[in-house]
C-alpha atoms as a PDB file:
ATOM      1  CA  MET A   1     -24.445  31.105  49.749  1.00  0.00           C
ATOM      2  CA  ILE A   2     -23.193  30.022  46.320  1.00  0.00           C
ATOM      3  CA  VAL A   3     -24.632  31.085  42.957  1.00  0.00           C
ATOM      4  CA  THR A   4     -23.858  28.995  39.870  1.00  0.00           C
ATOM      5  CA  VAL A   5     -24.102  30.501  36.385  1.00  0.00           C
ATOM      6  CA  THR A   6     -24.798  28.360  33.306  1.00  0.00           C
ATOM      7  CA  MET A   7     -24.916  30.635  30.283  1.00  0.00           C
ATOM      8  CA  ASN A   8     -25.488  27.831  27.769  1.00  0.00           C
ATOM      9  CA  GLY A   9     -27.792  25.345  29.491  1.00  0.00           C
ATOM     10  CA  SER A  10     -28.491  22.004  27.850  1.00  0.00           C
ATOM     11  CA  ALA A  11     -30.313  18.718  27.987  1.00  0.00           C
ATOM     12  CA  ASP A  12     -27.500  16.200  28.479  1.00  0.00           C
ATOM     13  CA  ILE A  13     -28.321  12.852  26.874  1.00  0.00           C
ATOM     14  CA  THR A  14     -26.076   9.891  27.657  1.00  0.00           C
ATOM     15  CA  TYR A  15     -26.214   6.685  25.596  1.00  0.00           C
ATOM     16  CA  ILE A  16     -24.455   3.739  27.248  1.00  0.00           C
ATOM     17  CA  MET A  17     -23.707   1.100  24.606  1.00  0.00           C
ATOM     18  CA  ASP A  18     -21.648  -2.019  24.100  1.00  0.00           C
ATOM     19  CA  GLN A  19     -20.753  -0.909  20.590  1.00  0.00           C
ATOM     20  CA  LEU A  20     -21.448   2.018  18.250  1.00  0.00           C
ATOM     21  CA  ILE A  21     -21.735   0.859  14.634  1.00  0.00           C
ATOM     22  CA  LEU A  22     -21.229   3.619  12.086  1.00  0.00           C
ATOM     23  CA  ASN A  23     -23.409   3.714   8.961  1.00  0.00           C
ATOM     24  CA  ASP A  24     -25.976   1.448  10.614  1.00  0.00           C
ATOM     25  CA  THR A  25     -28.914   1.553  13.025  1.00  0.00           C
ATOM     26  CA  ASN A  26     -27.983   1.533  16.719  1.00  0.00           C
ATOM     27  CA  ARG A  27     -30.627   0.764  19.344  1.00  0.00           C
ATOM     28  CA  VAL A  28     -29.893   1.993  22.850  1.00  0.00           C
ATOM     29  CA  ALA A  29     -31.337   0.334  25.952  1.00  0.00           C
ATOM     30  CA  ASN A  30     -29.560   2.474  28.544  1.00  0.00           C
ATOM     31  CA  VAL A  31     -30.394   6.180  28.156  1.00  0.00           C
ATOM     32  CA  LYS A  32     -30.045   8.981  30.695  1.00  0.00           C
ATOM     33  CA  LYS A  33     -31.351  12.520  30.135  1.00  0.00           C
ATOM     34  CA  THR A  34     -30.665  15.316  32.569  1.00  0.00           C
ATOM     35  CA  ALA A  35     -30.630  19.100  32.838  1.00  0.00           C
ATOM     36  CA  GLY A  36     -27.076  19.921  31.932  1.00  0.00           C
ATOM     37  CA  GLY A  37     -24.368  22.420  31.346  1.00  0.00           C
ATOM     38  CA  LYS A  38     -21.273  22.582  33.538  1.00  0.00           C
ATOM     39  CA  GLY A  39     -22.822  24.997  36.009  1.00  0.00           C
ATOM     40  CA  LEU A  40     -25.790  22.717  36.643  1.00  0.00           C
ATOM     41  CA  ASN A  41     -23.449  19.793  37.325  1.00  0.00           C
ATOM     42  CA  VAL A  42     -21.806  22.004  39.958  1.00  0.00           C
ATOM     43  CA  THR A  43     -25.249  22.897  41.327  1.00  0.00           C
ATOM     44  CA  ARG A  44     -26.351  19.273  41.701  1.00  0.00           C
ATOM     45  CA  VAL A  45     -23.177  18.362  43.566  1.00  0.00           C
ATOM     46  CA  LEU A  46     -23.620  21.277  45.969  1.00  0.00           C
ATOM     47  CA  LYS A  47     -27.277  20.353  46.468  1.00  0.00           C
ATOM     48  CA  GLN A  48     -26.302  16.785  47.414  1.00  0.00           C
ATOM     49  CA  LEU A  49     -23.883  18.227  49.970  1.00  0.00           C
ATOM     50  CA  GLU A  50     -26.751  20.300  51.390  1.00  0.00           C
ATOM     51  CA  ALA A  51     -24.999  23.563  50.564  1.00  0.00           C
ATOM     52  CA  GLN A  52     -27.004  26.740  50.042  1.00  0.00           C
ATOM     53  CA  VAL A  53     -26.970  27.166  46.266  1.00  0.00           C
ATOM     54  CA  ILE A  54     -29.071  28.850  43.605  1.00  0.00           C
ATOM     55  CA  ALA A  55     -28.659  28.364  39.848  1.00  0.00           C
ATOM     56  CA  THR A  56     -29.041  31.002  37.162  1.00  0.00           C
ATOM     57  CA  GLY A  57     -28.255  31.408  33.470  1.00  0.00           C
ATOM     58  CA  ILE A  58     -30.093  31.408  30.150  1.00  0.00           C
ATOM     59  CA  VAL A  59     -32.432  28.800  28.648  1.00  0.00           C
ATOM     60  CA  ALA A  60     -34.767  28.730  25.647  1.00  0.00           C
ATOM     61  CA  GLY A  61     -37.589  26.759  24.037  1.00  0.00           C
ATOM     62  CA  THR A  62     -38.969  23.358  24.965  1.00  0.00           C
ATOM     63  CA  THR A  63     -35.488  22.132  25.916  1.00  0.00           C
ATOM     64  CA  GLY A  64     -35.278  25.084  28.278  1.00  0.00           C
ATOM     65  CA  ASP A  65     -38.622  24.044  29.778  1.00  0.00           C
ATOM     66  CA  PHE A  66     -37.233  20.544  30.320  1.00  0.00           C
ATOM     67  CA  ILE A  67     -34.214  21.989  32.125  1.00  0.00           C
ATOM     68  CA  LEU A  68     -36.299  24.192  34.425  1.00  0.00           C
ATOM     69  CA  ASN A  69     -38.852  21.460  35.132  1.00  0.00           C
ATOM     70  CA  GLN A  70     -36.179  18.947  36.056  1.00  0.00           C
ATOM     71  CA  LEU A  71     -34.469  21.419  38.370  1.00  0.00           C
ATOM     72  CA  ASP A  72     -37.796  22.039  40.089  1.00  0.00           C
ATOM     73  CA  GLN A  73     -38.351  18.278  40.446  1.00  0.00           C
ATOM     74  CA  GLN A  74     -34.894  17.937  41.996  1.00  0.00           C
ATOM     75  CA  GLY A  75     -35.610  20.722  44.478  1.00  0.00           C
ATOM     76  CA  VAL A  76     -32.884  22.967  43.029  1.00  0.00           C
ATOM     77  CA  LYS A  77     -33.426  26.673  43.640  1.00  0.00           C
ATOM     78  CA  GLN A  78     -33.165  28.484  40.335  1.00  0.00           C
ATOM     79  CA  ASN A  79     -33.782  31.833  38.675  1.00  0.00           C
ATOM     80  CA  PHE A  80     -33.021  31.526  34.960  1.00  0.00           C
ATOM     81  CA  TYR A  81     -33.778  33.980  32.197  1.00  0.00           C
ATOM     82  CA  LYS A  82     -36.067  32.216  29.699  1.00  0.00           C
ATOM     83  CA  MET A  83     -35.639  33.495  26.138  1.00  0.00           C
ATOM     84  CA  ASN A  84     -38.725  34.099  24.008  1.00  0.00           C
ATOM     85  CA  VAL A  85     -37.141  32.608  20.882  1.00  0.00           C
ATOM     86  CA  GLY A  86     -34.591  29.909  20.106  1.00  0.00           C
ATOM     87  CA  GLU A  87     -33.905  26.520  21.617  1.00  0.00           C
ATOM     88  CA  SER A  88     -31.466  25.380  24.273  1.00  0.00           C
ATOM     89  CA  ARG A  89     -29.050  22.755  23.081  1.00  0.00           C
ATOM     90  CA  ASN A  90     -28.835  18.994  23.411  1.00  0.00           C
ATOM     91  CA  ASN A  91     -25.468  17.511  24.334  1.00  0.00           C
ATOM     92  CA  ILE A  92     -25.096  13.838  23.470  1.00  0.00           C
ATOM     93  CA  SER A  93     -22.516  11.533  25.046  1.00  0.00           C
ATOM     94  CA  ILE A  94     -21.996   8.002  23.734  1.00  0.00           C
ATOM     95  CA  ILE A  95     -20.189   5.751  26.204  1.00  0.00           C
ATOM     96  CA  GLN A  96     -18.756   2.400  25.085  1.00  0.00           C
ATOM     97  CA  SER A  97     -16.723   0.634  27.773  1.00  0.00           C
ATOM     98  CA  SER A  98     -13.609   2.844  28.106  1.00  0.00           C
ATOM     99  CA  SER A  99     -14.313   5.188  25.162  1.00  0.00           C
ATOM    100  CA  GLN A 100     -16.519   8.252  25.086  1.00  0.00           C
ATOM    101  CA  THR A 101     -17.840  10.308  22.147  1.00  0.00           C
ATOM    102  CA  GLU A 102     -19.518  13.681  22.610  1.00  0.00           C
ATOM    103  CA  ILE A 103     -21.781  15.571  20.188  1.00  0.00           C
ATOM    104  CA  LEU A 104     -22.425  19.145  21.313  1.00  0.00           C
ATOM    105  CA  GLU A 105     -24.996  21.496  19.773  1.00  0.00           C
ATOM    106  CA  PRO A 106     -24.307  25.267  19.734  1.00  0.00           C
ATOM    107  CA  GLY A 107     -27.454  26.436  21.541  1.00  0.00           C
ATOM    108  CA  PRO A 108     -29.529  29.589  20.940  1.00  0.00           C
ATOM    109  CA  THR A 109     -28.362  32.999  19.750  1.00  0.00           C
ATOM    110  CA  VAL A 110     -28.777  35.594  22.508  1.00  0.00           C
ATOM    111  CA  SER A 111     -29.679  39.192  21.622  1.00  0.00           C
ATOM    112  CA  GLU A 112     -28.394  42.281  23.442  1.00  0.00           C
ATOM    113  CA  SER A 113     -31.781  42.903  25.057  1.00  0.00           C
ATOM    114  CA  GLU A 114     -32.002  39.295  26.279  1.00  0.00           C
ATOM    115  CA  LEU A 115     -28.489  39.496  27.682  1.00  0.00           C
ATOM    116  CA  ALA A 116     -29.428  42.707  29.497  1.00  0.00           C
ATOM    117  CA  SER A 117     -32.465  40.947  30.999  1.00  0.00           C
ATOM    118  CA  PHE A 118     -30.281  38.109  32.260  1.00  0.00           C
ATOM    119  CA  TYR A 119     -27.780  40.570  33.728  1.00  0.00           C
ATOM    120  CA  ARG A 120     -30.496  42.192  35.830  1.00  0.00           C
ATOM    121  CA  ILE A 121     -31.350  38.776  37.284  1.00  0.00           C
ATOM    122  CA  TYR A 122     -27.656  38.098  37.915  1.00  0.00           C
ATOM    123  CA  GLN A 123     -27.191  41.395  39.769  1.00  0.00           C
ATOM    124  CA  GLN A 124     -30.210  40.711  41.946  1.00  0.00           C
ATOM    125  CA  ILE A 125     -29.544  37.124  43.043  1.00  0.00           C
ATOM    126  CA  THR A 126     -25.804  37.526  43.593  1.00  0.00           C
ATOM    127  CA  LYS A 127     -26.408  40.192  46.236  1.00  0.00           C
ATOM    128  CA  GLN A 128     -27.120  37.419  48.733  1.00  0.00           C
ATOM    129  CA  ALA A 129     -24.157  35.237  47.670  1.00  0.00           C
ATOM    130  CA  ASP A 130     -20.582  35.041  48.934  1.00  0.00           C
ATOM    131  CA  THR A 131     -19.297  32.801  46.118  1.00  0.00           C
ATOM    132  CA  ILE A 132     -20.150  32.765  42.407  1.00  0.00           C
ATOM    133  CA  VAL A 133     -19.253  29.964  39.985  1.00  0.00           C
ATOM    134  CA  LEU A 134     -19.177  30.735  36.243  1.00  0.00           C
ATOM    135  CA  SER A 135     -19.036  27.558  34.168  1.00  0.00           C
ATOM    136  CA  GLY A 136     -18.962  26.468  30.557  1.00  0.00           C
ATOM    137  CA  SER A 137     -19.195  27.995  27.120  1.00  0.00           C
ATOM    138  CA  LEU A 138     -20.915  31.210  26.122  1.00  0.00           C
ATOM    139  CA  PRO A 139     -23.895  30.956  23.759  1.00  0.00           C
ATOM    140  CA  GLN A 140     -23.956  32.501  20.316  1.00  0.00           C
ATOM    141  CA  GLY A 141     -24.438  36.267  20.306  1.00  0.00           C
ATOM    142  CA  VAL A 142     -22.717  36.756  23.678  1.00  0.00           C
ATOM    143  CA  PRO A 143     -19.429  38.721  23.523  1.00  0.00           C
ATOM    144  CA  VAL A 144     -16.376  36.558  24.127  1.00  0.00           C
ATOM    145  CA  ASN A 145     -15.360  38.808  27.039  1.00  0.00           C
ATOM    146  CA  TYR A 146     -18.777  38.663  28.733  1.00  0.00           C
ATOM    147  CA  TYR A 147     -17.517  36.716  31.720  1.00  0.00           C
ATOM    148  CA  ASN A 148     -15.330  39.745  32.485  1.00  0.00           C
ATOM    149  CA  GLN A 149     -18.474  41.797  33.139  1.00  0.00           C
ATOM    150  CA  LEU A 150     -19.874  39.181  35.510  1.00  0.00           C
ATOM    151  CA  ILE A 151     -16.541  38.846  37.312  1.00  0.00           C
ATOM    152  CA  GLU A 152     -16.148  42.623  37.654  1.00  0.00           C
ATOM    153  CA  PHE A 153     -19.571  42.955  39.278  1.00  0.00           C
ATOM    154  CA  GLY A 154     -18.776  40.149  41.711  1.00  0.00           C
ATOM    155  CA  TYR A 155     -15.251  41.379  42.420  1.00  0.00           C
ATOM    156  CA  LYS A 156     -16.455  44.910  43.235  1.00  0.00           C
ATOM    157  CA  ASN A 157     -19.053  43.464  45.608  1.00  0.00           C
ATOM    158  CA  GLY A 158     -16.601  41.291  47.522  1.00  0.00           C
ATOM    159  CA  LYS A 159     -17.565  37.920  46.024  1.00  0.00           C
ATOM    160  CA  LYS A 160     -15.264  34.953  45.432  1.00  0.00           C
ATOM    161  CA  MET A 161     -15.371  34.326  41.668  1.00  0.00           C
ATOM    162  CA  LEU A 162     -14.609  30.855  40.257  1.00  0.00           C
ATOM    163  CA  LEU A 163     -14.334  30.544  36.474  1.00  0.00           C
ATOM    164  CA  ASP A 164     -14.324  27.226  34.623  1.00  0.00           C
ATOM    165  CA  THR A 165     -14.236  27.890  30.905  1.00  0.00           C
ATOM    166  CA  SER A 166     -11.756  27.592  28.030  1.00  0.00           C
ATOM    167  CA  GLY A 167     -10.533  29.145  24.803  1.00  0.00           C
ATOM    168  CA  ALA A 168     -11.070  32.828  24.101  1.00  0.00           C
ATOM    169  CA  ALA A 169     -13.404  33.342  27.075  1.00  0.00           C
ATOM    170  CA  LEU A 170     -10.687  32.132  29.470  1.00  0.00           C
ATOM    171  CA  ALA A 171      -8.004  34.195  27.721  1.00  0.00           C
ATOM    172  CA  GLN A 172     -10.142  37.331  27.995  1.00  0.00           C
ATOM    173  CA  ALA A 173     -10.746  36.755  31.705  1.00  0.00           C
ATOM    174  CA  THR A 174      -7.039  36.382  32.498  1.00  0.00           C
ATOM    175  CA  GLN A 175      -6.337  39.718  30.780  1.00  0.00           C
ATOM    176  CA  ALA A 176      -9.145  41.622  32.507  1.00  0.00           C
ATOM    177  CA  VAL A 177      -8.614  44.356  35.093  1.00  0.00           C
ATOM    178  CA  PHE A 178     -10.675  42.407  37.619  1.00  0.00           C
ATOM    179  CA  PRO A 179      -9.457  38.786  37.804  1.00  0.00           C
ATOM    180  CA  PRO A 180     -11.360  35.658  38.818  1.00  0.00           C
ATOM    181  CA  THR A 181     -10.446  34.177  42.184  1.00  0.00           C
ATOM    182  CA  LEU A 182      -9.887  30.711  40.668  1.00  0.00           C
ATOM    183  CA  ILE A 183      -9.500  29.095  37.246  1.00  0.00           C
ATOM    184  CA  LYS A 184      -9.270  25.364  36.453  1.00  0.00           C
ATOM    185  CA  PRO A 185      -7.542  24.722  33.111  1.00  0.00           C
ATOM    186  CA  ASN A 186      -6.344  21.316  31.974  1.00  0.00           C
ATOM    187  CA  GLN A 187      -2.997  20.826  30.225  1.00  0.00           C
ATOM    188  CA  ALA A 188      -4.378  21.517  26.735  1.00  0.00           C
ATOM    189  CA  GLU A 189      -6.237  24.638  27.897  1.00  0.00           C
ATOM    190  CA  LEU A 190      -3.158  25.992  29.689  1.00  0.00           C
ATOM    191  CA  THR A 191      -1.050  25.324  26.591  1.00  0.00           C
ATOM    192  CA  GLU A 192      -3.548  27.291  24.493  1.00  0.00           C
ATOM    193  CA  LEU A 193      -3.733  30.081  27.044  1.00  0.00           C
ATOM    194  CA  LEU A 194       0.038  30.563  27.382  1.00  0.00           C
ATOM    195  CA  LYS A 195       0.651  29.811  23.691  1.00  0.00           C
ATOM    196  CA  LYS A 196       3.446  27.370  24.518  1.00  0.00           C
ATOM    197  CA  GLU A 197       3.733  23.643  25.134  1.00  0.00           C
ATOM    198  CA  ILE A 198       3.290  22.763  28.811  1.00  0.00           C
ATOM    199  CA  SER A 199       5.183  19.754  30.158  1.00  0.00           C
ATOM    200  CA  LEU A 200       4.043  17.941  33.284  1.00  0.00           C
ATOM    201  CA  LYS A 201       7.317  16.051  33.727  1.00  0.00           C
ATOM    202  CA  ASN A 202       9.325  18.938  35.164  1.00  0.00           C
ATOM    203  CA  LEU A 203       7.526  20.398  38.190  1.00  0.00           C
ATOM    204  CA  SER A 204      10.032  23.221  38.559  1.00  0.00           C
ATOM    205  CA  ALA A 205       9.402  24.374  34.990  1.00  0.00           C
ATOM    206  CA  LEU A 206       5.647  23.919  35.457  1.00  0.00           C
ATOM    207  CA  LYS A 207       5.717  26.169  38.516  1.00  0.00           C
ATOM    208  CA  GLN A 208       7.457  28.834  36.453  1.00  0.00           C
ATOM    209  CA  GLU A 209       4.738  28.619  33.803  1.00  0.00           C
ATOM    210  CA  LEU A 210       2.038  29.035  36.452  1.00  0.00           C
ATOM    211  CA  CYS A 211       3.836  32.225  37.545  1.00  0.00           C
ATOM    212  CA  SER A 212       3.394  33.711  34.066  1.00  0.00           C
ATOM    213  CA  PRO A 213       2.535  37.450  34.124  1.00  0.00           C
ATOM    214  CA  LEU A 214      -0.722  36.485  32.405  1.00  0.00           C
ATOM    215  CA  LEU A 215      -1.777  34.559  35.519  1.00  0.00           C
ATOM    216  CA  GLU A 216      -0.206  36.608  38.312  1.00  0.00           C
ATOM    217  CA  LYS A 217      -3.434  38.321  39.430  1.00  0.00           C
ATOM    218  CA  ILE A 218      -5.327  35.026  39.870  1.00  0.00           C
ATOM    219  CA  GLU A 219      -5.147  33.722  43.451  1.00  0.00           C
ATOM    220  CA  TRP A 220      -5.984  30.069  42.704  1.00  0.00           C
ATOM    221  CA  ILE A 221      -4.919  28.077  39.626  1.00  0.00           C
ATOM    222  CA  VAL A 222      -6.052  24.455  39.626  1.00  0.00           C
ATOM    223  CA  LEU A 223      -4.265  22.617  36.807  1.00  0.00           C
ATOM    224  CA  SER A 224      -6.442  19.574  36.239  1.00  0.00           C
ATOM    225  CA  LEU A 225      -4.603  16.353  35.367  1.00  0.00           C
ATOM    226  CA  GLY A 226      -7.592  13.993  35.244  1.00  0.00           C
ATOM    227  CA  ALA A 227      -6.869  10.619  36.831  1.00  0.00           C
ATOM    228  CA  GLN A 228      -3.430  11.918  37.884  1.00  0.00           C
ATOM    229  CA  GLY A 229      -4.971  14.558  40.150  1.00  0.00           C
ATOM    230  CA  ALA A 230      -3.940  18.213  39.931  1.00  0.00           C
ATOM    231  CA  VAL A 231      -1.216  20.774  40.474  1.00  0.00           C
ATOM    232  CA  ILE A 232      -2.508  23.774  42.417  1.00  0.00           C
ATOM    233  CA  LYS A 233      -1.090  27.247  42.875  1.00  0.00           C
ATOM    234  CA  ARG A 234      -2.477  29.471  45.605  1.00  0.00           C
ATOM    235  CA  GLY A 235      -0.695  32.784  45.817  1.00  0.00           C
ATOM    236  CA  LYS A 236       2.984  31.844  46.031  1.00  0.00           C
ATOM    237  CA  GLN A 237       2.391  28.311  47.318  1.00  0.00           C
ATOM    238  CA  PHE A 238       2.275  25.199  45.106  1.00  0.00           C
ATOM    239  CA  TYR A 239       0.687  21.820  45.821  1.00  0.00           C
ATOM    240  CA  GLN A 240       0.468  18.499  44.027  1.00  0.00           C
ATOM    241  CA  ALA A 241      -2.669  16.442  44.677  1.00  0.00           C
ATOM    242  CA  THR A 242      -2.852  12.792  43.672  1.00  0.00           C
ATOM    243  CA  VAL A 243      -6.008  10.700  43.748  1.00  0.00           C
ATOM    244  CA  PRO A 244      -6.547   6.957  44.294  1.00  0.00           C
ATOM    245  CA  LYS A 245      -7.092   4.625  41.362  1.00  0.00           C
ATOM    246  CA  ILE A 246     -10.738   3.695  40.948  1.00  0.00           C
ATOM    247  CA  GLU A 247     -12.967   1.865  38.506  1.00  0.00           C
ATOM    248  CA  ALA A 248     -14.398   4.910  36.732  1.00  0.00           C
ATOM    249  CA  MET A 249     -17.987   4.614  35.481  1.00  0.00           C
ATOM    250  CA  ASN A 250     -18.238   8.009  33.754  1.00  0.00           C
ATOM    251  CA  ALA A 251     -15.752  10.880  33.953  1.00  0.00           C
ATOM    252  CA  ILE A 252     -18.241  13.450  32.587  1.00  0.00           C
ATOM    253  CA  GLY A 253     -18.880  16.030  35.287  1.00  0.00           C
ATOM    254  CA  SER A 254     -15.820  15.183  37.376  1.00  0.00           C
ATOM    255  CA  GLY A 255     -14.213  18.541  36.657  1.00  0.00           C
ATOM    256  CA  ASP A 256     -17.466  20.249  37.633  1.00  0.00           C
ATOM    257  CA  SER A 257     -17.487  18.257  40.870  1.00  0.00           C
ATOM    258  CA  VAL A 258     -13.941  19.445  41.592  1.00  0.00           C
ATOM    259  CA  ILE A 259     -15.109  23.035  41.085  1.00  0.00           C
ATOM    260  CA  ALA A 260     -18.053  22.413  43.436  1.00  0.00           C
ATOM    261  CA  GLY A 261     -15.647  21.234  46.130  1.00  0.00           C
ATOM    262  CA  PHE A 262     -13.387  24.252  45.737  1.00  0.00           C
ATOM    263  CA  ALA A 263     -16.415  26.568  45.733  1.00  0.00           C
ATOM    264  CA  LEU A 264     -17.754  25.075  48.953  1.00  0.00           C
ATOM    265  CA  GLY A 265     -14.337  25.140  50.602  1.00  0.00           C
ATOM    266  CA  LEU A 266     -13.767  28.777  49.639  1.00  0.00           C
ATOM    267  CA  ASP A 267     -17.298  29.713  50.655  1.00  0.00           C
ATOM    268  CA  GLN A 268     -16.639  28.247  54.110  1.00  0.00           C
ATOM    269  CA  SER A 269     -13.109  29.753  54.305  1.00  0.00           C
ATOM    270  CA  LEU A 270     -11.530  26.346  54.972  1.00  0.00           C
ATOM    271  CA  PRO A 271      -7.723  25.882  55.191  1.00  0.00           C
ATOM    272  CA  THR A 272      -5.939  25.558  51.848  1.00  0.00           C
ATOM    273  CA  GLU A 273      -5.163  21.835  51.984  1.00  0.00           C
ATOM    274  CA  GLU A 274      -8.681  21.014  53.159  1.00  0.00           C
ATOM    275  CA  ILE A 275     -10.148  22.938  50.212  1.00  0.00           C
ATOM    276  CA  ILE A 276      -7.919  20.985  47.817  1.00  0.00           C
ATOM    277  CA  ARG A 277      -8.728  17.639  49.422  1.00  0.00           C
ATOM    278  CA  TYR A 278     -12.444  18.396  49.314  1.00  0.00           C
ATOM    279  CA  GLY A 279     -12.376  19.342  45.640  1.00  0.00           C
ATOM    280  CA  MET A 280     -10.355  16.332  44.536  1.00  0.00           C
ATOM    281  CA  THR A 281     -12.537  13.940  46.570  1.00  0.00           C
ATOM    282  CA  LEU A 282     -15.709  15.142  44.853  1.00  0.00           C
ATOM    283  CA  GLY A 283     -14.131  14.718  41.423  1.00  0.00           C
ATOM    284  CA  VAL A 284     -13.314  11.076  42.182  1.00  0.00           C
ATOM    285  CA  LEU A 285     -16.763  10.378  43.643  1.00  0.00           C
ATOM    286  CA  ASN A 286     -18.433  11.722  40.489  1.00  0.00           C
ATOM    287  CA  ALA A 287     -16.383   9.380  38.290  1.00  0.00           C
ATOM    288  CA  MET A 288     -17.706   6.438  40.314  1.00  0.00           C
ATOM    289  CA  GLU A 289     -21.277   7.115  39.120  1.00  0.00           C
ATOM    290  CA  GLN A 290     -22.787   6.890  35.627  1.00  0.00           C
ATOM    291  CA  GLU A 291     -24.785  10.138  35.849  1.00  0.00           C
ATOM    292  CA  PRO A 292     -22.794  13.421  35.731  1.00  0.00           C
ATOM    293  CA  GLY A 293     -23.016  15.593  38.812  1.00  0.00           C
ATOM    294  CA  HIS A 294     -24.011  12.731  41.110  1.00  0.00           C
ATOM    295  CA  LEU A 295     -21.763  11.497  43.894  1.00  0.00           C
ATOM    296  CA  LYS A 296     -21.200   8.184  45.621  1.00  0.00           C
ATOM    297  CA  LEU A 297     -21.307   9.900  49.010  1.00  0.00           C
ATOM    298  CA  SER A 298     -21.078   6.604  50.906  1.00  0.00           C
ATOM    299  CA  LYS A 299     -17.432   6.503  49.768  1.00  0.00           C
ATOM    300  CA  PHE A 300     -16.631  10.098  50.788  1.00  0.00           C
ATOM    301  CA  GLN A 301     -14.474   9.430  53.853  1.00  0.00           C
ATOM    302  CA  GLU A 302     -12.653   6.542  52.185  1.00  0.00           C
ATOM    303  CA  ILE A 303     -11.649   8.645  49.162  1.00  0.00           C
ATOM    304  CA  TYR A 304     -11.015  11.791  51.233  1.00  0.00           C
ATOM    305  CA  GLN A 305      -8.413   9.955  53.308  1.00  0.00           C
ATOM    306  CA  LYS A 306      -6.676   8.651  50.168  1.00  0.00           C
ATOM    307  CA  ILE A 307      -6.107  12.059  48.560  1.00  0.00           C
ATOM    308  CA  ASP A 308      -2.392  12.808  48.862  1.00  0.00           C
ATOM    309  CA  ILE A 309      -1.364  16.467  48.971  1.00  0.00           C
ATOM    310  CA  THR A 310       2.283  17.514  48.820  1.00  0.00           C
ATOM    311  CA  GLU A 311       3.609  21.050  48.900  1.00  0.00           C
ATOM    312  CA  ILE A 312       6.073  21.452  46.042  1.00  0.00           C
END
């Protein structure tokens, strides 16, 4: 079973518009509102694939109620800690043809006692899991190295630990005694992490960067390249995955769909190239739909066959 963790849950509101006019009134006919946060996008993908998955994390206020109610309506198993004060965030995405603007609220401030209450839930529900996915930002009040605590608990209990975050939280996790099983930085996040410019043009040099002492304890590194696919390091092996060109409807949630594919592949102990192919396929399928975390499953086999994987 897979457990997904969304520490900073949100209501994701998507406005699809022909044009956004600044300093004027904009009326929106096409609005989508969904329970969000990166971990919940992962959860929805896994649910569509009929995987055994349960979602946990922290929510607050009436927005938190919306998140929990929608998950219940969607038949998603969940066990969130509901804060007594504060308000979960709204994340707004404005999509105009090929451009996308995001407005992200910070979310509630979590106290030490509330964090301790969540941790007790986390310890309990992860006992029955083989794979744990930690996704997204940490809310205010949560120590920047908090993911390390969650990873350590999972690591000591034999769980596969996938981490999809950025900035200081990612840096802290790579320096921890107990490493995540997998991380999924993009080029900008890897540049920030290694504190040096990362070029994608020279694969030999890129492989050397992925062998940095900072990353040596992490079994899987999935360097996300968006529409260009990914470069993947597993142990001492390197792979380049390219994806077919598609007419993308909405790229939001595609990275989360990739993580869902890797989580499912690792949970089922599939061969390396099959895990990669699965993850990349789900990322493409998500981009073919307007709503994040939803897949055009009718196209699965077609896209799966078009993923090209080369050992480099």
